[in-house]
Amino acid sequence: MLFHTIDQVRRFFKILGGFTLLGLGAVMLFTPGPGWLVIFLGLTLLAAEFVWARRLMDRMRQQGTRWKDSVLRVRKSDPADSA
């Protein structure tokens, strides 16, 4: 019975920490700070408990990869770099 209670407490604090990081990250989007990184860390905590957080985190990862690829593609084809 004690182990069941300890697991519930851990789960509660993991969820609380995840939502706290999401909130702080949202604030940091409008104030100085690493907002997207903190949001991603919050989603990482929440993804262990919630499917929606896992899907959102996967979507953010895909968008980040897509943006990185498009930036690298533009830099390769930029004629100013070859001068």
PDB file of N, CA and C in Angstrom:
ATOM      1  N   MET A   1       0.823  -1.195   0.000  1.00  0.00           N
ATOM      2  CA  MET A   1       0.000   0.000   0.000  1.00  0.00           C
ATOM      3  C   MET A   1       0.868   1.261   0.000  1.00  0.00           C
ATOM      4  N   LEU A   2       1.967   1.213   0.727  1.00  0.00           N
ATOM      5  CA  LEU A   2       2.847   2.371   0.802  1.00  0.00           C
ATOM      6  C   LEU A   2       3.460   2.679  -0.561  1.00  0.00           C
ATOM      7  N   PHE A   3       3.828   1.651  -1.317  1.00  0.00           N
ATOM      8  CA  PHE A   3       4.422   1.877  -2.634  1.00  0.00           C
ATOM      9  C   PHE A   3       3.423   2.517  -3.587  1.00  0.00           C
ATOM     10  N   HIS A   4       2.187   2.112  -3.471  1.00  0.00           N
ATOM     11  CA  HIS A   4       1.148   2.702  -4.317  1.00  0.00           C
ATOM     12  C   HIS A   4       1.023   4.193  -4.033  1.00  0.00           C
ATOM     13  N   THR A   5       1.092   4.581  -2.785  1.00  0.00           N
ATOM     14  CA  THR A   5       1.002   5.988  -2.394  1.00  0.00           C
ATOM     15  C   THR A   5       2.229   6.761  -2.867  1.00  0.00           C
ATOM     16  N   ILE A   6       3.398   6.186  -2.763  1.00  0.00           N
ATOM     17  CA  ILE A   6       4.619   6.847  -3.213  1.00  0.00           C
ATOM     18  C   ILE A   6       4.566   7.089  -4.717  1.00  0.00           C
ATOM     19  N   ASP A   7       4.075   6.097  -5.472  1.00  0.00           N
ATOM     20  CA  ASP A   7       3.943   6.273  -6.915  1.00  0.00           C
ATOM     21  C   ASP A   7       2.960   7.385  -7.254  1.00  0.00           C
ATOM     22  N   GLN A   8       1.883   7.493  -6.502  1.00  0.00           N
ATOM     23  CA  GLN A   8       0.914   8.562  -6.733  1.00  0.00           C
ATOM     24  C   GLN A   8       1.519   9.928  -6.451  1.00  0.00           C
ATOM     25  N   VAL A   9       2.315  10.021  -5.410  1.00  0.00           N
ATOM     26  CA  VAL A   9       2.963  11.289  -5.066  1.00  0.00           C
ATOM     27  C   VAL A   9       3.964  11.671  -6.143  1.00  0.00           C
ATOM     28  N   ARG A  10       4.750  10.721  -6.606  1.00  0.00           N
ATOM     29  CA  ARG A  10       5.705  10.987  -7.690  1.00  0.00           C
ATOM     30  C   ARG A  10       4.985  11.446  -8.953  1.00  0.00           C
ATOM     31  N   ARG A  11       3.904  10.768  -9.289  1.00  0.00           N
ATOM     32  CA  ARG A  11       3.135  11.132 -10.483  1.00  0.00           C
ATOM     33  C   ARG A  11       2.573  12.549 -10.336  1.00  0.00           C
ATOM     34  N   PHE A  12       2.055  12.860  -9.151  1.00  0.00           N
ATOM     35  CA  PHE A  12       1.511  14.192  -8.909  1.00  0.00           C
ATOM     36  C   PHE A  12       2.579  15.269  -9.120  1.00  0.00           C
ATOM     37  N   PHE A  13       3.762  15.067  -8.551  1.00  0.00           N
ATOM     38  CA  PHE A  13       4.814  16.074  -8.677  1.00  0.00           C
ATOM     39  C   PHE A  13       5.374  16.151 -10.098  1.00  0.00           C
ATOM     40  N   LYS A  14       5.386  15.030 -10.815  1.00  0.00           N
ATOM     41  CA  LYS A  14       5.811  15.050 -12.209  1.00  0.00           C
ATOM     42  C   LYS A  14       4.829  15.870 -13.043  1.00  0.00           C
ATOM     43  N   ILE A  15       3.539  15.665 -12.833  1.00  0.00           N
ATOM     44  CA  ILE A  15       2.510  16.420 -13.552  1.00  0.00           C
ATOM     45  C   ILE A  15       2.562  17.887 -13.157  1.00  0.00           C
ATOM     46  N   LEU A  16       2.695  18.159 -11.859  1.00  0.00           N
ATOM     47  CA  LEU A  16       2.785  19.542 -11.389  1.00  0.00           C
ATOM     48  C   LEU A  16       4.002  20.240 -11.975  1.00  0.00           C
ATOM     49  N   GLY A  17       5.141  19.566 -11.994  1.00  0.00           N
ATOM     50  CA  GLY A  17       6.354  20.138 -12.573  1.00  0.00           C
ATOM     51  C   GLY A  17       6.216  20.384 -14.064  1.00  0.00           C
ATOM     52  N   GLY A  18       5.576  19.463 -14.765  1.00  0.00           N
ATOM     53  CA  GLY A  18       5.375  19.624 -16.201  1.00  0.00           C
ATOM     54  C   GLY A  18       4.511  20.834 -16.522  1.00  0.00           C
ATOM     55  N   PHE A  19       3.392  20.966 -15.812  1.00  0.00           N
ATOM     56  CA  PHE A  19       2.517  22.116 -16.059  1.00  0.00           C
ATOM     57  C   PHE A  19       3.169  23.427 -15.618  1.00  0.00           C
ATOM     58  N   THR A  20       3.965  23.368 -14.558  1.00  0.00           N
ATOM     59  CA  THR A  20       4.691  24.565 -14.127  1.00  0.00           C
ATOM     60  C   THR A  20       5.681  25.010 -15.194  1.00  0.00           C
ATOM     61  N   LEU A  21       6.415  24.063 -15.751  1.00  0.00           N
ATOM     62  CA  LEU A  21       7.364  24.397 -16.813  1.00  0.00           C
ATOM     63  C   LEU A  21       6.652  24.917 -18.059  1.00  0.00           C
ATOM     64  N   LEU A  22       5.497  24.336 -18.387  1.00  0.00           N
ATOM     65  CA  LEU A  22       4.730  24.853 -19.521  1.00  0.00           C
ATOM     66  C   LEU A  22       4.333  26.305 -19.292  1.00  0.00           C
ATOM     67  N   GLY A  23       3.854  26.603 -18.093  1.00  0.00           N
ATOM     68  CA  GLY A  23       3.460  27.975 -17.770  1.00  0.00           C
ATOM     69  C   GLY A  23       4.634  28.935 -17.812  1.00  0.00           C
ATOM     70  N   LEU A  24       5.747  28.538 -17.220  1.00  0.00           N
ATOM     71  CA  LEU A  24       6.933  29.393 -17.238  1.00  0.00           C
ATOM     72  C   LEU A  24       7.446  29.603 -18.658  1.00  0.00           C
ATOM     73  N   GLY A  25       7.415  28.551 -19.456  1.00  0.00           N
ATOM     74  CA  GLY A  25       7.849  28.669 -20.849  1.00  0.00           C
ATOM     75  C   GLY A  25       6.958  29.613 -21.630  1.00  0.00           C
ATOM     76  N   ALA A  26       5.654  29.554 -21.378  1.00  0.00           N
ATOM     77  CA  ALA A  26       4.733  30.466 -22.059  1.00  0.00           C
ATOM     78  C   ALA A  26       5.019  31.912 -21.676  1.00  0.00           C
ATOM     79  N   VAL A  27       5.331  32.148 -20.416  1.00  0.00           N
ATOM     80  CA  VAL A  27       5.694  33.499 -19.979  1.00  0.00           C
ATOM     81  C   VAL A  27       7.000  33.929 -20.640  1.00  0.00           C
ATOM     82  N   MET A  28       7.943  33.013 -20.739  1.00  0.00           N
ATOM     83  CA  MET A  28       9.246  33.341 -21.329  1.00  0.00           C
ATOM     84  C   MET A  28       9.176  33.609 -22.829  1.00  0.00           C
ATOM     85  N   LEU A  29       8.088  33.223 -23.464  1.00  0.00           N
ATOM     86  CA  LEU A  29       7.944  33.575 -24.879  1.00  0.00           C
ATOM     87  C   LEU A  29       7.803  35.085 -25.051  1.00  0.00           C
ATOM     88  N   PHE A  30       7.298  35.762 -24.016  1.00  0.00           N
ATOM     89  CA  PHE A  30       7.078  37.205 -24.080  1.00  0.00           C
ATOM     90  C   PHE A  30       8.073  37.995 -23.233  1.00  0.00           C
ATOM     91  N   THR A  31       8.853  37.303 -22.442  1.00  0.00           N
ATOM     92  CA  THR A  31       9.874  37.938 -21.616  1.00  0.00           C
ATOM     93  C   THR A  31      11.201  37.245 -21.923  1.00  0.00           C
ATOM     94  N   PRO A  32      12.310  37.821 -21.465  1.00  0.00           N
ATOM     95  CA  PRO A  32      13.604  37.167 -21.725  1.00  0.00           C
ATOM     96  C   PRO A  32      13.677  35.786 -21.080  1.00  0.00           C
ATOM     97  N   GLY A  33      14.188  34.863 -21.837  1.00  0.00           N
ATOM     98  CA  GLY A  33      14.358  33.510 -21.318  1.00  0.00           C
ATOM     99  C   GLY A  33      14.177  32.487 -22.413  1.00  0.00           C
ATOM    100  N   PRO A  34      14.610  31.269 -22.165  1.00  0.00           N
ATOM    101  CA  PRO A  34      14.520  30.201 -23.174  1.00  0.00           C
ATOM    102  C   PRO A  34      13.136  29.550 -23.181  1.00  0.00           C
ATOM    103  N   GLY A  35      12.145  30.275 -23.652  1.00  0.00           N
ATOM    104  CA  GLY A  35      10.757  29.826 -23.583  1.00  0.00           C
ATOM    105  C   GLY A  35      10.493  28.496 -24.242  1.00  0.00           C
ATOM    106  N   TRP A  36      10.933  28.328 -25.497  1.00  0.00           N
ATOM    107  CA  TRP A  36      10.650  27.076 -26.207  1.00  0.00           C
ATOM    108  C   TRP A  36      11.338  25.891 -25.554  1.00  0.00           C
ATOM    109  N   LEU A  37      12.536  26.103 -25.046  1.00  0.00           N
ATOM    110  CA  LEU A  37      13.252  25.019 -24.378  1.00  0.00           C
ATOM    111  C   LEU A  37      12.515  24.582 -23.111  1.00  0.00           C
ATOM    112  N   VAL A  38      12.036  25.542 -22.340  1.00  0.00           N
ATOM    113  CA  VAL A  38      11.326  25.227 -21.100  1.00  0.00           C
ATOM    114  C   VAL A  38       9.998  24.542 -21.409  1.00  0.00           C
ATOM    115  N   ILE A  39       9.317  24.990 -22.457  1.00  0.00           N
ATOM    116  CA  ILE A  39       8.075  24.333 -22.866  1.00  0.00           C
ATOM    117  C   ILE A  39       8.356  22.890 -23.265  1.00  0.00           C
ATOM    118  N   PHE A  40       9.418  22.673 -24.010  1.00  0.00           N
ATOM    119  CA  PHE A  40       9.771  21.313 -24.428  1.00  0.00           C
ATOM    120  C   PHE A  40      10.103  20.437 -23.218  1.00  0.00           C
ATOM    121  N   LEU A  41      10.792  20.987 -22.236  1.00  0.00           N
ATOM    122  CA  LEU A  41      11.099  20.218 -21.026  1.00  0.00           C
ATOM    123  C   LEU A  41       9.828  19.874 -20.258  1.00  0.00           C
ATOM    124  N   GLY A  42       8.898  20.829 -20.184  1.00  0.00           N
ATOM    125  CA  GLY A  42       7.624  20.554 -19.528  1.00  0.00           C
ATOM    126  C   GLY A  42       6.848  19.460 -20.244  1.00  0.00           C
ATOM    127  N   LEU A  43       6.842  19.520 -21.571  1.00  0.00           N
ATOM    128  CA  LEU A  43       6.159  18.474 -22.336  1.00  0.00           C
ATOM    129  C   LEU A  43       6.835  17.123 -22.151  1.00  0.00           C
ATOM    130  N   THR A  44       8.150  17.128 -21.978  1.00  0.00           N
ATOM    131  CA  THR A  44       8.869  15.878 -21.744  1.00  0.00           C
ATOM    132  C   THR A  44       8.387  15.218 -20.454  1.00  0.00           C
ATOM    133  N   LEU A  45       8.203  16.014 -19.419  1.00  0.00           N
ATOM    134  CA  LEU A  45       7.682  15.463 -18.161  1.00  0.00           C
ATOM    135  C   LEU A  45       6.249  14.968 -18.325  1.00  0.00           C
ATOM    136  N   LEU A  46       5.430  15.756 -19.001  1.00  0.00           N
ATOM    137  CA  LEU A  46       4.023  15.398 -19.153  1.00  0.00           C
ATOM    138  C   LEU A  46       3.816  14.232 -20.118  1.00  0.00           C
ATOM    139  N   ALA A  47       4.736  14.048 -21.062  1.00  0.00           N
ATOM    140  CA  ALA A  47       4.596  12.976 -22.051  1.00  0.00           C
ATOM    141  C   ALA A  47       4.643  11.595 -21.405  1.00  0.00           C
ATOM    142  N   ALA A  48       5.246  11.500 -20.253  1.00  0.00           N
ATOM    143  CA  ALA A  48       5.283  10.219 -19.550  1.00  0.00           C
ATOM    144  C   ALA A  48       3.907   9.839 -19.008  1.00  0.00           C
ATOM    145  N   GLU A  49       3.025  10.830 -18.862  1.00  0.00           N
ATOM    146  CA  GLU A  49       1.712  10.582 -18.280  1.00  0.00           C
ATOM    147  C   GLU A  49       0.547  10.780 -19.249  1.00  0.00           C
ATOM    148  N   PHE A  50       0.733  11.652 -20.259  1.00  0.00           N
ATOM    149  CA  PHE A  50      -0.380  12.024 -21.129  1.00  0.00           C
ATOM    150  C   PHE A  50      -0.013  11.829 -22.595  1.00  0.00           C
ATOM    151  N   VAL A  51      -0.924  11.233 -23.355  1.00  0.00           N
ATOM    152  CA  VAL A  51      -0.711  10.995 -24.779  1.00  0.00           C
ATOM    153  C   VAL A  51      -0.691  12.321 -25.544  1.00  0.00           C
ATOM    154  N   TRP A  52      -1.541  13.273 -25.169  1.00  0.00           N
ATOM    155  CA  TRP A  52      -1.596  14.553 -25.888  1.00  0.00           C
ATOM    156  C   TRP A  52      -0.265  15.285 -25.794  1.00  0.00           C
ATOM    157  N   ALA A  53       0.408  15.180 -24.658  1.00  0.00           N
ATOM    158  CA  ALA A  53       1.703  15.845 -24.498  1.00  0.00           C
ATOM    159  C   ALA A  53       2.752  15.175 -25.384  1.00  0.00           C
ATOM    160  N   ARG A  54       2.683  13.859 -25.497  1.00  0.00           N
ATOM    161  CA  ARG A  54       3.622  13.126 -26.352  1.00  0.00           C
ATOM    162  C   ARG A  54       3.430  13.516 -27.809  1.00  0.00           C
ATOM    163  N   ARG A  55       2.168  13.616 -28.242  1.00  0.00           N
ATOM    164  CA  ARG A  55       1.891  14.003 -29.624  1.00  0.00           C
ATOM    165  C   ARG A  55       2.358  15.424 -29.908  1.00  0.00           C
ATOM    166  N   LEU A  56       2.103  16.330 -28.966  1.00  0.00           N
ATOM    167  CA  LEU A  56       2.524  17.715 -29.152  1.00  0.00           C
ATOM    168  C   LEU A  56       4.043  17.828 -29.191  1.00  0.00           C
ATOM    169  N   MET A  57       4.713  17.083 -28.340  1.00  0.00           N
ATOM    170  CA  MET A  57       6.175  17.090 -28.321  1.00  0.00           C
ATOM    171  C   MET A  57       6.731  16.534 -29.641  1.00  0.00           C
ATOM    172  N   ASP A  58       6.121  15.470 -30.143  1.00  0.00           N
ATOM    173  CA  ASP A  58       6.558  14.906 -31.427  1.00  0.00           C
ATOM    174  C   ASP A  58       6.335  15.904 -32.558  1.00  0.00           C
ATOM    175  N   ARG A  59       5.216  16.614 -32.520  1.00  0.00           N
ATOM    176  CA  ARG A  59       4.936  17.618 -33.546  1.00  0.00           C
ATOM    177  C   ARG A  59       5.953  18.757 -33.483  1.00  0.00           C
ATOM    178  N   MET A  60       6.289  19.204 -32.275  1.00  0.00           N
ATOM    179  CA  MET A  60       7.297  20.262 -32.127  1.00  0.00           C
ATOM    180  C   MET A  60       8.647  19.789 -32.658  1.00  0.00           C
ATOM    181  N   ARG A  61       8.987  18.553 -32.406  1.00  0.00           N
ATOM    182  CA  ARG A  61      10.258  18.000 -32.876  1.00  0.00           C
ATOM    183  C   ARG A  61      10.285  17.947 -34.405  1.00  0.00           C
ATOM    184  N   GLN A  62       9.171  17.535 -35.021  1.00  0.00           N
ATOM    185  CA  GLN A  62       9.100  17.489 -36.479  1.00  0.00           C
ATOM    186  C   GLN A  62       9.204  18.883 -37.083  1.00  0.00           C
ATOM    187  N   GLN A  63       8.513  19.862 -36.489  1.00  0.00           N
ATOM    188  CA  GLN A  63       8.570  21.232 -37.003  1.00  0.00           C
ATOM    189  C   GLN A  63       9.985  21.791 -36.863  1.00  0.00           C
ATOM    190  N   GLY A  64      10.637  21.510 -35.752  1.00  0.00           N
ATOM    191  CA  GLY A  64      12.011  21.967 -35.563  1.00  0.00           C
ATOM    192  C   GLY A  64      12.949  21.385 -36.599  1.00  0.00           C
ATOM    193  N   THR A  65      12.776  20.116 -36.894  1.00  0.00           N
ATOM    194  CA  THR A  65      13.601  19.480 -37.923  1.00  0.00           C
ATOM    195  C   THR A  65      13.318  20.093 -39.287  1.00  0.00           C
ATOM    196  N   ARG A  66      12.048  20.348 -39.576  1.00  0.00           N
ATOM    197  CA  ARG A  66      11.676  20.946 -40.865  1.00  0.00           C
ATOM    198  C   ARG A  66      12.273  22.345 -40.997  1.00  0.00           C
ATOM    199  N   TRP A  67      12.201  23.138 -39.928  1.00  0.00           N
ATOM    200  CA  TRP A  67      12.770  24.500 -39.966  1.00  0.00           C
ATOM    201  C   TRP A  67      14.284  24.447 -40.146  1.00  0.00           C
ATOM    202  N   LYS A  68      14.930  23.528 -39.428  1.00  0.00           N
ATOM    203  CA  LYS A  68      16.382  23.395 -39.548  1.00  0.00           C
ATOM    204  C   LYS A  68      16.776  23.028 -40.970  1.00  0.00           C
ATOM    205  N   ASP A  69      16.066  22.075 -41.557  1.00  0.00           N
ATOM    206  CA  ASP A  69      16.375  21.657 -42.924  1.00  0.00           C
ATOM    207  C   ASP A  69      16.174  22.794 -43.922  1.00  0.00           C
ATOM    208  N   SER A  70      15.112  23.579 -43.743  1.00  0.00           N
ATOM    209  CA  SER A  70      14.873  24.688 -44.676  1.00  0.00           C
ATOM    210  C   SER A  70      15.933  25.775 -44.518  1.00  0.00           C
ATOM    211  N   VAL A  71      16.384  26.030 -43.304  1.00  0.00           N
ATOM    212  CA  VAL A  71      17.435  27.031 -43.093  1.00  0.00           C
ATOM    213  C   VAL A  71      18.741  26.553 -43.709  1.00  0.00           C
ATOM    214  N   LEU A  72      19.080  25.290 -43.513  1.00  0.00           N
ATOM    215  CA  LEU A  72      20.318  24.763 -44.093  1.00  0.00           C
ATOM    216  C   LEU A  72      20.250  24.764 -45.612  1.00  0.00           C
ATOM    217  N   ARG A  73      19.082  24.479 -46.174  1.00  0.00           N
ATOM    218  CA  ARG A  73      18.907  24.487 -47.617  1.00  0.00           C
ATOM    219  C   ARG A  73      19.094  25.906 -48.165  1.00  0.00           C
ATOM    220  N   VAL A  74      18.556  26.901 -47.478  1.00  0.00           N
ATOM    221  CA  VAL A  74      18.694  28.293 -47.912  1.00  0.00           C
ATOM    222  C   VAL A  74      20.147  28.730 -47.815  1.00  0.00           C
ATOM    223  N   ARG A  75      20.825  28.351 -46.752  1.00  0.00           N
ATOM    224  CA  ARG A  75      22.234  28.743 -46.597  1.00  0.00           C
ATOM    225  C   ARG A  75      23.103  28.123 -47.680  1.00  0.00           C
ATOM    226  N   LYS A  76      22.812  26.894 -48.099  1.00  0.00           N
ATOM    227  CA  LYS A  76      23.594  26.249 -49.144  1.00  0.00           C
ATOM    228  C   LYS A  76      23.401  26.943 -50.485  1.00  0.00           C
ATOM    229  N   SER A  77      22.186  27.381 -50.754  1.00  0.00           N
ATOM    230  CA  SER A  77      21.889  27.981 -52.059  1.00  0.00           C
ATOM    231  C   SER A  77      22.085  29.496 -52.056  1.00  0.00           C
ATOM    232  N   ASP A  78      22.501  30.096 -50.938  1.00  0.00           N
ATOM    233  CA  ASP A  78      22.685  31.535 -50.855  1.00  0.00           C
ATOM    234  C   ASP A  78      23.968  31.941 -51.607  1.00  0.00           C
ATOM    235  N   PRO A  79      23.857  32.766 -52.668  1.00  0.00           N
ATOM    236  CA  PRO A  79      25.045  33.149 -53.420  1.00  0.00           C
ATOM    237  C   PRO A  79      26.002  34.046 -52.619  1.00  0.00           C
ATOM    238  N   ALA A  80      25.530  34.694 -51.588  1.00  0.00           N
ATOM    239  CA  ALA A  80      26.394  35.555 -50.772  1.00  0.00           C
ATOM    240  C   ALA A  80      27.423  34.720 -50.025  1.00  0.00           C
ATOM    241  N   ASP A  81      27.111  33.474 -49.705  1.00  0.00           N
ATOM    242  CA  ASP A  81      28.057  32.618 -48.983  1.00  0.00           C
ATOM    243  C   ASP A  81      29.216  32.184 -49.878  1.00  0.00           C
ATOM    244  N   SER A  82      29.018  32.087 -51.164  1.00  0.00           N
ATOM    245  CA  SER A  82      30.065  31.590 -52.050  1.00  0.00           C
ATOM    246  C   SER A  82      30.993  32.704 -52.524  1.00  0.00           C
ATOM    247  N   ALA A  83      30.722  33.951 -52.167  1.00  0.00           N
ATOM    248  CA  ALA A  83      31.542  35.080 -52.626  1.00  0.00           C
ATOM    249  C   ALA A  83      32.799  35.233 -51.821  1.00  0.00           C
TER     250      ALA A  83
END
